[in-house]
Amino acid sequence: EEYEQISVDAVMDSGAFDTICPLEMIGGNEVRQTKASKAGMDYYAVNGAGIRNKGEVDLIGTSEGGMPIKFTSQVGEGVKKLLVSVIRAAKGGNMIIFGANIKAIKELAKQTKIEENLIMDIKTNTRSEIKEKRGMYVYPMMIRRKKKDSNAMDLSSVGRFESKNTWNEVNSAEKECEVCNDSMEGLFQQCM
């Protein structure tokens, strides 16, 4: 069998549930069907556009520095770039650091305990925990905003929440995935 090397600039995606690549990138590699792809479960882009789930593929290669890389990627129809799920990479035993600062890293090294996932202000050394929720890293926060005019239309409500000058959870029956029997949550009711 003949093989070729292709250069790929993978995008590290902190919001991606799975690592996913374009069908055009895999060449002659075999795409395996998964329970999700067989059931017609798709992915959704940040803009809400559907991404057809074609299955999964094993990919091997090397980093720019020559380190061997091996991972499984979902294959999506319409995806333009390889999107590497930060949470999947971290769960695979990797540590991902953005905005590295040696002084801040040395300060963290002095601590007797640190959060597994965190964000740290490098000027004040103040840290906050980043939590894992439904397969994604999330940074819980409270937002202060002006109260809206009771006569104004509220365009800020999306997903499972509606607004009537206050936030109230919409009463909806929890749905269950027919493939994995797990609860389905979120705006698109996708399997988590």
C-alpha atoms as a PDB file:
ATOM      1  CA  GLU A   1       0.000   0.000   0.000  1.00  0.00           C
ATOM      2  CA  GLU A   2       1.168   3.530  -0.750  1.00  0.00           C
ATOM      3  CA  TYR A   3       1.061   6.286   1.830  1.00  0.00           C
ATOM      4  CA  GLU A   4       1.537  10.025   1.606  1.00  0.00           C
ATOM      5  CA  GLN A   5       2.289  12.719   4.154  1.00  0.00           C
ATOM      6  CA  ILE A   6       0.065  15.792   4.236  1.00  0.00           C
ATOM      7  CA  SER A   7       0.624  18.958   6.228  1.00  0.00           C
ATOM      8  CA  VAL A   8      -2.303  19.851   8.505  1.00  0.00           C
ATOM      9  CA  ASP A   9      -2.800  22.825  10.826  1.00  0.00           C
ATOM     10  CA  ALA A  10      -5.133  21.300  13.425  1.00  0.00           C
ATOM     11  CA  VAL A  11      -7.258  23.777  15.369  1.00  0.00           C
ATOM     12  CA  MET A  12      -7.324  23.238  19.151  1.00  0.00           C
ATOM     13  CA  ASP A  13     -11.019  23.621  19.999  1.00  0.00           C
ATOM     14  CA  SER A  14     -11.875  24.039  23.674  1.00  0.00           C
ATOM     15  CA  GLY A  15     -15.587  23.873  22.850  1.00  0.00           C
ATOM     16  CA  ALA A  16     -15.515  20.708  20.750  1.00  0.00           C
ATOM     17  CA  PHE A  17     -17.010  17.586  22.310  1.00  0.00           C
ATOM     18  CA  ASP A  18     -15.108  15.321  19.886  1.00  0.00           C
ATOM     19  CA  THR A  19     -12.089  15.630  17.624  1.00  0.00           C
ATOM     20  CA  ILE A  20     -13.442  15.853  14.078  1.00  0.00           C
ATOM     21  CA  CYS A  21     -11.861  16.066  10.638  1.00  0.00           C
ATOM     22  CA  PRO A  22     -13.037  16.668   7.077  1.00  0.00           C
ATOM     23  CA  LEU A  23     -13.838  13.640   4.933  1.00  0.00           C
ATOM     24  CA  GLU A  24     -11.432  15.027   2.321  1.00  0.00           C
ATOM     25  CA  MET A  25      -8.488  14.867   4.765  1.00  0.00           C
ATOM     26  CA  ILE A  26      -8.505  11.119   5.413  1.00  0.00           C
ATOM     27  CA  GLY A  27      -7.573   9.979   1.910  1.00  0.00           C
ATOM     28  CA  GLY A  28      -7.875   6.204   1.613  1.00  0.00           C
ATOM     29  CA  ASN A  29      -8.041   5.515   5.349  1.00  0.00           C
ATOM     30  CA  GLU A  30     -10.978   3.355   6.421  1.00  0.00           C
ATOM     31  CA  VAL A  31     -13.924   5.125   8.029  1.00  0.00           C
ATOM     32  CA  ARG A  32     -15.617   2.962  10.672  1.00  0.00           C
ATOM     33  CA  GLN A  33     -19.290   3.410  11.426  1.00  0.00           C
ATOM     34  CA  THR A  34     -20.125   4.150  15.061  1.00  0.00           C
ATOM     35  CA  LYS A  35     -23.386   3.720  16.949  1.00  0.00           C
ATOM     36  CA  ALA A  36     -23.914   7.477  16.624  1.00  0.00           C
ATOM     37  CA  SER A  37     -23.233   7.629  12.866  1.00  0.00           C
ATOM     38  CA  LYS A  38     -25.440   4.590  12.221  1.00  0.00           C
ATOM     39  CA  ALA A  39     -28.258   6.225  14.193  1.00  0.00           C
ATOM     40  CA  GLY A  40     -27.940   9.439  12.153  1.00  0.00           C
ATOM     41  CA  MET A  41     -26.694  11.522  15.089  1.00  0.00           C
ATOM     42  CA  ASP A  42     -24.928  14.596  13.770  1.00  0.00           C
ATOM     43  CA  TYR A  43     -22.751  17.373  15.157  1.00  0.00           C
ATOM     44  CA  TYR A  44     -23.506  21.070  15.131  1.00  0.00           C
ATOM     45  CA  ALA A  45     -21.194  23.973  14.410  1.00  0.00           C
ATOM     46  CA  VAL A  46     -21.164  27.005  16.653  1.00  0.00           C
ATOM     47  CA  ASN A  47     -23.451  28.784  14.169  1.00  0.00           C
ATOM     48  CA  GLY A  48     -26.003  25.953  14.400  1.00  0.00           C
ATOM     49  CA  ALA A  49     -25.224  24.419  10.999  1.00  0.00           C
ATOM     50  CA  GLY A  50     -25.502  20.625  10.930  1.00  0.00           C
ATOM     51  CA  ILE A  51     -22.417  18.469  10.351  1.00  0.00           C
ATOM     52  CA  ARG A  52     -23.172  14.984   9.027  1.00  0.00           C
ATOM     53  CA  ASN A  53     -21.437  12.327  11.158  1.00  0.00           C
ATOM     54  CA  LYS A  54     -19.775   9.861   8.769  1.00  0.00           C
ATOM     55  CA  GLY A  55     -18.103   7.663  11.421  1.00  0.00           C
ATOM     56  CA  GLU A  56     -14.568   7.629  12.796  1.00  0.00           C
ATOM     57  CA  VAL A  57     -11.023   7.065  11.560  1.00  0.00           C
ATOM     58  CA  ASP A  58      -7.659   6.330  13.169  1.00  0.00           C
ATOM     59  CA  LEU A  59      -4.980   8.866  12.244  1.00  0.00           C
ATOM     60  CA  ILE A  60      -1.232   8.612  12.785  1.00  0.00           C
ATOM     61  CA  GLY A  61       1.547  11.073  12.099  1.00  0.00           C
ATOM     62  CA  THR A  62       4.182  13.196  13.782  1.00  0.00           C
ATOM     63  CA  SER A  63       4.230  16.625  15.366  1.00  0.00           C
ATOM     64  CA  GLU A  64       6.275  19.411  13.824  1.00  0.00           C
ATOM     65  CA  GLY A  65       8.984  18.471  16.354  1.00  0.00           C
ATOM     66  CA  GLY A  66       8.935  14.805  15.322  1.00  0.00           C
ATOM     67  CA  MET A  67       6.875  13.388  18.215  1.00  0.00           C
ATOM     68  CA  PRO A  68       4.688  10.437  17.139  1.00  0.00           C
ATOM     69  CA  ILE A  69       0.941  11.185  17.224  1.00  0.00           C
ATOM     70  CA  LYS A  70      -1.899   8.658  17.112  1.00  0.00           C
ATOM     71  CA  PHE A  71      -5.572   9.456  17.683  1.00  0.00           C
ATOM     72  CA  THR A  72      -9.106   8.647  16.611  1.00  0.00           C
ATOM     73  CA  SER A  73     -11.102  11.366  14.896  1.00  0.00           C
ATOM     74  CA  GLN A  74     -14.750  11.597  14.025  1.00  0.00           C
ATOM     75  CA  VAL A  75     -15.333  12.346  10.344  1.00  0.00           C
ATOM     76  CA  GLY A  76     -17.686  15.187   9.490  1.00  0.00           C
ATOM     77  CA  GLU A  77     -19.171  16.124   6.156  1.00  0.00           C
ATOM     78  CA  GLY A  78     -18.723  19.847   5.579  1.00  0.00           C
ATOM     79  CA  VAL A  79     -15.973  20.314   8.180  1.00  0.00           C
ATOM     80  CA  LYS A  80     -13.182  22.479   6.732  1.00  0.00           C
ATOM     81  CA  LYS A  81     -10.334  21.798   9.209  1.00  0.00           C
ATOM     82  CA  LEU A  82      -9.195  19.203  11.712  1.00  0.00           C
ATOM     83  CA  LEU A  83     -10.649  20.318  15.066  1.00  0.00           C
ATOM     84  CA  VAL A  84      -8.894  18.757  18.054  1.00  0.00           C
ATOM     85  CA  SER A  85     -11.109  18.518  21.128  1.00  0.00           C
ATOM     86  CA  VAL A  86      -9.137  19.977  24.043  1.00  0.00           C
ATOM     87  CA  ILE A  87     -11.119  17.889  26.520  1.00  0.00           C
ATOM     88  CA  ARG A  88     -10.473  14.656  24.583  1.00  0.00           C
ATOM     89  CA  ALA A  89      -6.754  15.504  24.357  1.00  0.00           C
ATOM     90  CA  ALA A  90      -6.627  16.213  28.110  1.00  0.00           C
ATOM     91  CA  LYS A  91      -8.539  13.003  28.885  1.00  0.00           C
ATOM     92  CA  GLY A  92      -5.978  11.202  26.724  1.00  0.00           C
ATOM     93  CA  GLY A  93      -3.231  12.151  29.170  1.00  0.00           C
ATOM     94  CA  ASN A  94      -2.080  15.448  27.684  1.00  0.00           C
ATOM     95  CA  MET A  95      -1.713  18.806  29.424  1.00  0.00           C
ATOM     96  CA  ILE A  96      -2.758  21.766  27.303  1.00  0.00           C
ATOM     97  CA  ILE A  97      -1.509  25.226  28.252  1.00  0.00           C
ATOM     98  CA  PHE A  98      -2.466  28.450  26.502  1.00  0.00           C
ATOM     99  CA  GLY A  99      -0.665  31.708  27.231  1.00  0.00           C
ATOM    100  CA  ALA A 100       2.225  30.009  29.043  1.00  0.00           C
ATOM    101  CA  ASN A 101       4.196  32.254  31.377  1.00  0.00           C
ATOM    102  CA  ILE A 102       7.236  30.808  33.165  1.00  0.00           C
ATOM    103  CA  LYS A 103       6.795  33.064  36.218  1.00  0.00           C
ATOM    104  CA  ALA A 104       3.168  31.916  36.626  1.00  0.00           C
ATOM    105  CA  ILE A 105       4.138  28.264  36.122  1.00  0.00           C
ATOM    106  CA  LYS A 106       6.835  28.578  38.809  1.00  0.00           C
ATOM    107  CA  GLU A 107       4.256  30.144  41.135  1.00  0.00           C
ATOM    108  CA  LEU A 108       1.887  27.229  40.509  1.00  0.00           C
ATOM    109  CA  ALA A 109       4.722  24.771  41.193  1.00  0.00           C
ATOM    110  CA  LYS A 110       5.063  26.235  44.710  1.00  0.00           C
ATOM    111  CA  GLN A 111       1.452  25.324  45.554  1.00  0.00           C
ATOM    112  CA  THR A 112       0.698  22.178  47.524  1.00  0.00           C
ATOM    113  CA  LYS A 113      -2.532  21.666  45.584  1.00  0.00           C
ATOM    114  CA  ILE A 114      -3.893  23.086  42.335  1.00  0.00           C
ATOM    115  CA  GLU A 115      -7.106  22.575  40.432  1.00  0.00           C
ATOM    116  CA  GLU A 116      -6.939  20.030  37.611  1.00  0.00           C
ATOM    117  CA  ASN A 117      -8.240  22.657  35.163  1.00  0.00           C
ATOM    118  CA  LEU A 118      -7.729  26.307  35.907  1.00  0.00           C
ATOM    119  CA  ILE A 119      -7.308  29.819  34.639  1.00  0.00           C
ATOM    120  CA  MET A 120      -4.768  32.046  36.354  1.00  0.00           C
ATOM    121  CA  ASP A 121      -4.155  35.790  36.294  1.00  0.00           C
ATOM    122  CA  ILE A 122      -0.394  35.986  35.744  1.00  0.00           C
ATOM    123  CA  LYS A 123      -0.132  39.418  37.384  1.00  0.00           C
ATOM    124  CA  THR A 124      -1.958  38.594  40.635  1.00  0.00           C
ATOM    125  CA  ASN A 125      -1.533  34.770  40.671  1.00  0.00           C
ATOM    126  CA  THR A 126      -5.287  34.538  41.318  1.00  0.00           C
ATOM    127  CA  ARG A 127      -6.684  31.248  40.039  1.00  0.00           C
ATOM    128  CA  SER A 128     -10.173  30.016  39.190  1.00  0.00           C
ATOM    129  CA  GLU A 129     -11.272  26.499  38.428  1.00  0.00           C
ATOM    130  CA  ILE A 130     -12.398  25.473  34.947  1.00  0.00           C
ATOM    131  CA  LYS A 131     -14.971  22.694  35.309  1.00  0.00           C
ATOM    132  CA  GLU A 132     -15.856  19.767  33.111  1.00  0.00           C
ATOM    133  CA  LYS A 133     -19.535  19.703  32.175  1.00  0.00           C
ATOM    134  CA  ARG A 134     -21.182  17.483  29.552  1.00  0.00           C
ATOM    135  CA  GLY A 135     -17.862  16.724  27.869  1.00  0.00           C
ATOM    136  CA  MET A 136     -16.646  20.324  27.644  1.00  0.00           C
ATOM    137  CA  TYR A 137     -14.486  22.593  29.737  1.00  0.00           C
ATOM    138  CA  VAL A 138     -16.582  25.449  31.064  1.00  0.00           C
ATOM    139  CA  TYR A 139     -15.699  28.481  33.117  1.00  0.00           C
ATOM    140  CA  PRO A 140     -18.697  29.168  35.344  1.00  0.00           C
ATOM    141  CA  MET A 141     -19.315  32.849  35.977  1.00  0.00           C
ATOM    142  CA  MET A 142     -21.943  35.372  36.920  1.00  0.00           C
ATOM    143  CA  ILE A 143     -22.626  38.225  34.541  1.00  0.00           C
ATOM    144  CA  ARG A 144     -23.916  41.540  35.811  1.00  0.00           C
ATOM    145  CA  ARG A 145     -26.208  43.280  33.381  1.00  0.00           C
ATOM    146  CA  LYS A 146     -28.723  46.061  33.342  1.00  0.00           C
ATOM    147  CA  LYS A 147     -32.306  45.089  33.898  1.00  0.00           C
ATOM    148  CA  LYS A 148     -34.282  45.352  30.699  1.00  0.00           C
ATOM    149  CA  ASP A 149     -37.262  47.550  30.046  1.00  0.00           C
ATOM    150  CA  SER A 150     -40.362  45.427  30.765  1.00  0.00           C
ATOM    151  CA  ASN A 151     -41.815  46.545  27.407  1.00  0.00           C
ATOM    152  CA  ALA A 152     -38.712  45.657  25.391  1.00  0.00           C
ATOM    153  CA  MET A 153     -38.334  42.442  23.399  1.00  0.00           C
ATOM    154  CA  ASP A 154     -35.718  40.056  24.881  1.00  0.00           C
ATOM    155  CA  LEU A 155     -33.572  38.487  22.159  1.00  0.00           C
ATOM    156  CA  SER A 156     -31.017  37.058  24.569  1.00  0.00           C
ATOM    157  CA  SER A 157     -32.852  33.869  25.501  1.00  0.00           C
ATOM    158  CA  VAL A 158     -31.740  30.700  23.756  1.00  0.00           C
ATOM    159  CA  GLY A 159     -31.853  26.982  24.391  1.00  0.00           C
ATOM    160  CA  ARG A 160     -33.646  25.723  27.458  1.00  0.00           C
ATOM    161  CA  PHE A 161     -34.226  29.140  29.017  1.00  0.00           C
ATOM    162  CA  GLU A 162     -36.787  31.828  28.361  1.00  0.00           C
ATOM    163  CA  SER A 163     -36.905  35.315  29.752  1.00  0.00           C
ATOM    164  CA  LYS A 164     -39.775  37.267  31.218  1.00  0.00           C
ATOM    165  CA  ASN A 165     -37.599  39.907  32.864  1.00  0.00           C
ATOM    166  CA  THR A 166     -36.060  37.107  34.954  1.00  0.00           C
ATOM    167  CA  TRP A 167     -34.477  33.797  33.989  1.00  0.00           C
ATOM    168  CA  ASN A 168     -36.694  30.756  34.434  1.00  0.00           C
ATOM    169  CA  GLU A 169     -35.912  27.225  33.336  1.00  0.00           C
ATOM    170  CA  VAL A 170     -38.302  25.978  30.677  1.00  0.00           C
ATOM    171  CA  ASN A 171     -40.177  22.872  31.783  1.00  0.00           C
ATOM    172  CA  SER A 172     -39.378  20.155  29.291  1.00  0.00           C
ATOM    173  CA  ALA A 173     -39.223  16.413  29.650  1.00  0.00           C
ATOM    174  CA  GLU A 174     -35.680  15.057  29.783  1.00  0.00           C
ATOM    175  CA  LYS A 175     -35.093  13.113  26.599  1.00  0.00           C
ATOM    176  CA  GLU A 176     -33.064   9.922  26.393  1.00  0.00           C
ATOM    177  CA  CYS A 177     -30.784   8.887  23.545  1.00  0.00           C
ATOM    178  CA  GLU A 178     -32.021   5.831  21.662  1.00  0.00           C
ATOM    179  CA  VAL A 179     -28.416   4.791  20.948  1.00  0.00           C
ATOM    180  CA  CYS A 180     -26.700   5.019  24.334  1.00  0.00           C
ATOM    181  CA  ASN A 181     -29.663   5.572  26.722  1.00  0.00           C
ATOM    182  CA  ASP A 182     -27.880   8.652  28.074  1.00  0.00           C
ATOM    183  CA  SER A 183     -29.719  11.898  28.710  1.00  0.00           C
ATOM    184  CA  MET A 184     -29.786  14.335  25.820  1.00  0.00           C
ATOM    185  CA  GLU A 185     -29.270  17.959  26.706  1.00  0.00           C
ATOM    186  CA  GLY A 186     -28.634  21.273  25.081  1.00  0.00           C
ATOM    187  CA  LEU A 187     -30.041  23.439  22.378  1.00  0.00           C
ATOM    188  CA  PHE A 188     -29.849  20.729  19.715  1.00  0.00           C
ATOM    189  CA  GLN A 189     -30.798  17.800  21.959  1.00  0.00           C
ATOM    190  CA  GLN A 190     -27.643  16.002  20.991  1.00  0.00           C
ATOM    191  CA  CYS A 191     -26.326  12.894  22.669  1.00  0.00           C
ATOM    192  CA  MET A 192     -23.841  13.742  25.374  1.00  0.00           C
END
